[in-house]
Amino acid sequence: MFRASMPQDSGMLFVYKTPQPLAFWMENTYLPLDLIFIGQDGRILNVAANAKPLSRQPILSAGQAIGVLEINGGQAATLGIAPGTGSSTRDWR
């Protein structure tokens, strides 16, 4: 990523063609992020809050995920995003 900051209302969305267990890391990422793993039905599987910058430790989805949304660290809690809540996009295919 090689970024030291990200605008508050911005994020990065990664979408996959088929549901699968996903693993991300924070190498080359200089700011804490919340990683929001999304299931095919649009529900949040899990949130990895305030992921540690520059860490090579894998951050895993809690099941078969179709997407990951990365936002600024702490923003998921502020927005009420938690496992089991829905996302605005229902069809991730």
N, C-alpha and C. Protein backbone atom coordinates (compact mmCIF):
# COMPACT_ATOMS: atom_id res chain seq x y z
N MET A 1 0.83 -1.18 0.00
CA MET A 1 0.00 0.00 0.00
C MET A 1 0.87 1.25 0.00
N PHE A 2 1.90 1.27 0.83
CA PHE A 2 2.86 2.37 0.88
C PHE A 2 2.20 3.72 1.13
N ARG A 3 1.19 3.75 1.99
CA ARG A 3 0.52 5.01 2.34
C ARG A 3 0.66 5.26 3.83
N ALA A 4 0.78 6.54 4.18
CA ALA A 4 0.83 6.93 5.59
C ALA A 4 -0.50 7.46 6.07
N SER A 5 -1.41 7.74 5.14
CA SER A 5 -2.73 8.25 5.52
C SER A 5 -3.75 7.89 4.44
N MET A 6 -5.02 7.98 4.83
CA MET A 6 -6.12 7.73 3.89
C MET A 6 -7.26 8.65 4.31
N PRO A 7 -7.93 9.31 3.36
CA PRO A 7 -9.06 10.16 3.73
C PRO A 7 -10.09 9.39 4.56
N GLN A 8 -10.71 10.06 5.52
CA GLN A 8 -11.61 9.41 6.48
C GLN A 8 -12.74 8.63 5.82
N ASP A 9 -13.33 9.14 4.77
CA ASP A 9 -14.47 8.47 4.13
C ASP A 9 -14.05 7.64 2.92
N SER A 10 -12.84 7.13 2.95
CA SER A 10 -12.32 6.33 1.84
C SER A 10 -12.02 4.92 2.31
N GLY A 11 -11.80 4.05 1.36
CA GLY A 11 -11.42 2.68 1.68
C GLY A 11 -11.00 1.96 0.42
N MET A 12 -10.62 0.72 0.61
CA MET A 12 -10.23 -0.13 -0.52
C MET A 12 -11.07 -1.39 -0.45
N LEU A 13 -11.70 -1.74 -1.56
CA LEU A 13 -12.56 -2.91 -1.62
C LEU A 13 -11.92 -3.94 -2.54
N PHE A 14 -11.79 -5.16 -2.03
CA PHE A 14 -11.26 -6.28 -2.80
C PHE A 14 -12.38 -7.30 -2.95
N VAL A 15 -12.75 -7.62 -4.18
CA VAL A 15 -13.85 -8.55 -4.44
C VAL A 15 -13.29 -9.76 -5.19
N TYR A 16 -13.71 -10.94 -4.77
CA TYR A 16 -13.26 -12.20 -5.37
C TYR A 16 -14.42 -12.87 -6.11
N LYS A 17 -14.11 -13.63 -7.14
CA LYS A 17 -15.15 -14.28 -7.96
C LYS A 17 -15.86 -15.40 -7.23
N THR A 18 -15.14 -16.10 -6.37
CA THR A 18 -15.75 -17.22 -5.64
C THR A 18 -15.47 -17.06 -4.15
N PRO A 19 -16.42 -17.48 -3.31
CA PRO A 19 -16.19 -17.43 -1.87
C PRO A 19 -15.02 -18.34 -1.49
N GLN A 20 -14.18 -17.86 -0.58
CA GLN A 20 -13.01 -18.62 -0.18
C GLN A 20 -12.48 -18.07 1.14
N PRO A 21 -11.71 -18.88 1.88
CA PRO A 21 -11.04 -18.34 3.05
C PRO A 21 -10.01 -17.30 2.58
N LEU A 22 -9.98 -16.15 3.20
CA LEU A 22 -9.07 -15.09 2.78
C LEU A 22 -8.06 -14.78 3.88
N ALA A 23 -6.87 -14.37 3.48
CA ALA A 23 -5.83 -13.96 4.41
C ALA A 23 -5.17 -12.69 3.85
N PHE A 24 -5.07 -11.68 4.68
CA PHE A 24 -4.41 -10.43 4.33
C PHE A 24 -3.31 -10.17 5.35
N TRP A 25 -2.40 -9.26 5.03
CA TRP A 25 -1.41 -8.81 5.99
C TRP A 25 -1.22 -7.31 5.81
N MET A 26 -0.40 -6.73 6.67
CA MET A 26 -0.23 -5.28 6.69
C MET A 26 1.16 -4.84 6.24
N GLU A 27 1.90 -5.73 5.61
CA GLU A 27 3.23 -5.37 5.13
C GLU A 27 3.11 -4.17 4.19
N ASN A 28 4.03 -3.22 4.34
CA ASN A 28 4.07 -1.99 3.53
C ASN A 28 2.85 -1.10 3.73
N THR A 29 2.13 -1.28 4.83
CA THR A 29 0.98 -0.44 5.16
C THR A 29 1.35 0.31 6.44
N TYR A 30 1.39 1.64 6.37
CA TYR A 30 1.92 2.46 7.45
C TYR A 30 0.86 3.05 8.37
N LEU A 31 -0.39 2.66 8.19
CA LEU A 31 -1.46 3.16 9.05
C LEU A 31 -2.32 2.00 9.50
N PRO A 32 -2.91 2.08 10.70
CA PRO A 32 -3.80 1.01 11.15
C PRO A 32 -5.07 0.99 10.31
N LEU A 33 -5.52 -0.21 9.98
CA LEU A 33 -6.74 -0.37 9.19
C LEU A 33 -7.70 -1.32 9.89
N ASP A 34 -8.99 -1.16 9.61
CA ASP A 34 -10.00 -2.16 9.94
C ASP A 34 -10.22 -2.98 8.67
N LEU A 35 -10.09 -4.29 8.77
CA LEU A 35 -10.36 -5.18 7.64
C LEU A 35 -11.71 -5.83 7.89
N ILE A 36 -12.64 -5.61 6.98
CA ILE A 36 -14.01 -6.10 7.11
C ILE A 36 -14.21 -7.20 6.08
N PHE A 37 -14.36 -8.42 6.56
CA PHE A 37 -14.53 -9.57 5.67
C PHE A 37 -16.02 -9.78 5.42
N ILE A 38 -16.39 -9.90 4.15
CA ILE A 38 -17.80 -9.93 3.73
C ILE A 38 -18.12 -11.28 3.08
N GLY A 39 -19.21 -11.89 3.53
CA GLY A 39 -19.68 -13.15 2.96
C GLY A 39 -20.48 -12.90 1.69
N GLN A 40 -20.75 -13.96 0.95
CA GLN A 40 -21.45 -13.84 -0.33
C GLN A 40 -22.85 -13.25 -0.17
N ASP A 41 -23.47 -13.44 0.98
CA ASP A 41 -24.81 -12.90 1.21
C ASP A 41 -24.78 -11.42 1.61
N GLY A 42 -23.59 -10.83 1.67
CA GLY A 42 -23.46 -9.42 2.02
C GLY A 42 -23.32 -9.17 3.50
N ARG A 43 -23.39 -10.21 4.31
CA ARG A 43 -23.23 -10.04 5.76
C ARG A 43 -21.75 -10.02 6.14
N ILE A 44 -21.46 -9.28 7.19
CA ILE A 44 -20.10 -9.18 7.68
C ILE A 44 -19.75 -10.47 8.43
N LEU A 45 -18.67 -11.12 8.01
CA LEU A 45 -18.20 -12.33 8.68
C LEU A 45 -17.40 -11.99 9.94
N ASN A 46 -16.46 -11.09 9.79
CA ASN A 46 -15.65 -10.65 10.92
C ASN A 46 -14.97 -9.33 10.59
N VAL A 47 -14.56 -8.65 11.65
CA VAL A 47 -13.84 -7.38 11.52
C VAL A 47 -12.52 -7.52 12.27
N ALA A 48 -11.43 -7.29 11.59
CA ALA A 48 -10.12 -7.22 12.23
C ALA A 48 -9.84 -5.75 12.47
N ALA A 49 -10.07 -5.30 13.69
CA ALA A 49 -10.00 -3.87 14.01
C ALA A 49 -8.57 -3.43 14.29
N ASN A 50 -8.23 -2.25 13.79
CA ASN A 50 -6.94 -1.62 14.04
C ASN A 50 -5.76 -2.56 13.80
N ALA A 51 -5.76 -3.17 12.63
CA ALA A 51 -4.65 -4.06 12.27
C ALA A 51 -3.33 -3.31 12.37
N LYS A 52 -2.35 -3.97 12.93
CA LYS A 52 -1.05 -3.35 13.22
C LYS A 52 -0.27 -3.05 11.94
N PRO A 53 0.11 -1.78 11.77
CA PRO A 53 0.90 -1.41 10.59
C PRO A 53 2.18 -2.23 10.47
N LEU A 54 2.54 -2.56 9.25
CA LEU A 54 3.77 -3.24 8.87
C LEU A 54 3.86 -4.70 9.31
N SER A 55 2.80 -5.23 9.91
CA SER A 55 2.82 -6.61 10.39
C SER A 55 2.71 -7.61 9.23
N ARG A 56 3.45 -8.69 9.35
CA ARG A 56 3.35 -9.77 8.37
C ARG A 56 2.48 -10.91 8.90
N GLN A 57 1.86 -10.71 10.06
CA GLN A 57 0.97 -11.71 10.65
C GLN A 57 -0.29 -11.82 9.80
N PRO A 58 -0.68 -13.02 9.37
CA PRO A 58 -1.89 -13.16 8.56
C PRO A 58 -3.15 -12.74 9.34
N ILE A 59 -4.03 -12.07 8.65
CA ILE A 59 -5.34 -11.68 9.18
C ILE A 59 -6.36 -12.48 8.38
N LEU A 60 -7.09 -13.35 9.05
CA LEU A 60 -7.92 -14.35 8.37
C LEU A 60 -9.40 -14.03 8.42
N SER A 61 -10.10 -14.42 7.36
CA SER A 61 -11.56 -14.35 7.36
C SER A 61 -12.11 -15.46 8.25
N ALA A 62 -13.28 -15.21 8.82
CA ALA A 62 -13.94 -16.22 9.66
C ALA A 62 -14.91 -17.02 8.80
N GLY A 63 -14.38 -17.66 7.78
CA GLY A 63 -15.22 -18.44 6.88
C GLY A 63 -14.99 -18.05 5.43
N GLN A 64 -15.90 -18.48 4.58
CA GLN A 64 -15.82 -18.23 3.14
C GLN A 64 -16.22 -16.78 2.86
N ALA A 65 -15.27 -15.99 2.37
CA ALA A 65 -15.52 -14.57 2.10
C ALA A 65 -15.50 -14.31 0.60
N ILE A 66 -16.23 -13.30 0.20
CA ILE A 66 -16.27 -12.88 -1.20
C ILE A 66 -15.61 -11.51 -1.37
N GLY A 67 -15.38 -10.83 -0.24
CA GLY A 67 -14.76 -9.52 -0.32
C GLY A 67 -14.19 -9.06 1.00
N VAL A 68 -13.32 -8.05 0.90
CA VAL A 68 -12.73 -7.41 2.06
C VAL A 68 -12.76 -5.91 1.81
N LEU A 69 -13.23 -5.18 2.81
CA LEU A 69 -13.19 -3.72 2.77
C LEU A 69 -12.18 -3.26 3.80
N GLU A 70 -11.20 -2.46 3.38
CA GLU A 70 -10.22 -1.89 4.28
C GLU A 70 -10.54 -0.42 4.47
N ILE A 71 -10.71 -0.02 5.74
CA ILE A 71 -10.99 1.37 6.08
C ILE A 71 -10.05 1.78 7.22
N ASN A 72 -10.01 3.06 7.53
CA ASN A 72 -9.15 3.54 8.60
C ASN A 72 -9.45 2.82 9.91
N GLY A 73 -8.40 2.55 10.68
CA GLY A 73 -8.54 1.86 11.94
C GLY A 73 -9.50 2.56 12.89
N GLY A 74 -10.40 1.82 13.49
CA GLY A 74 -11.38 2.35 14.42
C GLY A 74 -12.67 2.80 13.78
N GLN A 75 -12.68 2.95 12.47
CA GLN A 75 -13.87 3.45 11.78
C GLN A 75 -15.01 2.44 11.78
N ALA A 76 -14.72 1.15 11.75
CA ALA A 76 -15.79 0.14 11.75
C ALA A 76 -16.64 0.27 13.01
N ALA A 77 -16.00 0.40 14.16
CA ALA A 77 -16.75 0.55 15.42
C ALA A 77 -17.56 1.84 15.41
N THR A 78 -16.98 2.91 14.93
CA THR A 78 -17.68 4.20 14.86
C THR A 78 -18.93 4.09 13.99
N LEU A 79 -18.85 3.33 12.92
CA LEU A 79 -19.97 3.18 11.99
C LEU A 79 -20.93 2.05 12.37
N GLY A 80 -20.63 1.32 13.43
CA GLY A 80 -21.49 0.22 13.86
C GLY A 80 -21.37 -1.02 13.01
N ILE A 81 -20.25 -1.18 12.34
CA ILE A 81 -20.02 -2.36 11.51
C ILE A 81 -19.49 -3.48 12.39
N ALA A 82 -20.21 -4.60 12.40
CA ALA A 82 -19.84 -5.72 13.26
C ALA A 82 -20.27 -7.02 12.59
N PRO A 83 -19.71 -8.15 13.04
CA PRO A 83 -20.12 -9.44 12.47
C PRO A 83 -21.64 -9.62 12.53
N GLY A 84 -22.19 -10.10 11.42
CA GLY A 84 -23.63 -10.33 11.33
C GLY A 84 -24.41 -9.18 10.74
N THR A 85 -23.83 -7.98 10.73
CA THR A 85 -24.53 -6.86 10.11
C THR A 85 -24.43 -6.99 8.61
N GLY A 86 -25.30 -6.31 7.89
CA GLY A 86 -25.32 -6.41 6.43
C GLY A 86 -24.57 -5.27 5.78
N SER A 87 -24.14 -5.51 4.57
CA SER A 87 -23.53 -4.46 3.77
C SER A 87 -24.57 -3.96 2.76
N SER A 88 -24.29 -2.84 2.14
CA SER A 88 -25.27 -2.26 1.22
C SER A 88 -25.33 -3.01 -0.11
N THR A 89 -24.30 -3.77 -0.43
CA THR A 89 -24.30 -4.54 -1.67
C THR A 89 -24.63 -5.99 -1.34
N ARG A 90 -25.69 -6.50 -1.91
CA ARG A 90 -26.13 -7.86 -1.60
C ARG A 90 -25.61 -8.90 -2.59
N ASP A 91 -25.43 -8.54 -3.82
CA ASP A 91 -24.99 -9.51 -4.82
C ASP A 91 -23.51 -9.29 -5.11
N TRP A 92 -22.68 -10.13 -4.56
CA TRP A 92 -21.23 -10.00 -4.70
C TRP A 92 -20.68 -10.84 -5.83
N ARG A 93 -21.55 -11.41 -6.65
CA ARG A 93 -21.05 -12.24 -7.75
C ARG A 93 -20.75 -11.40 -8.89
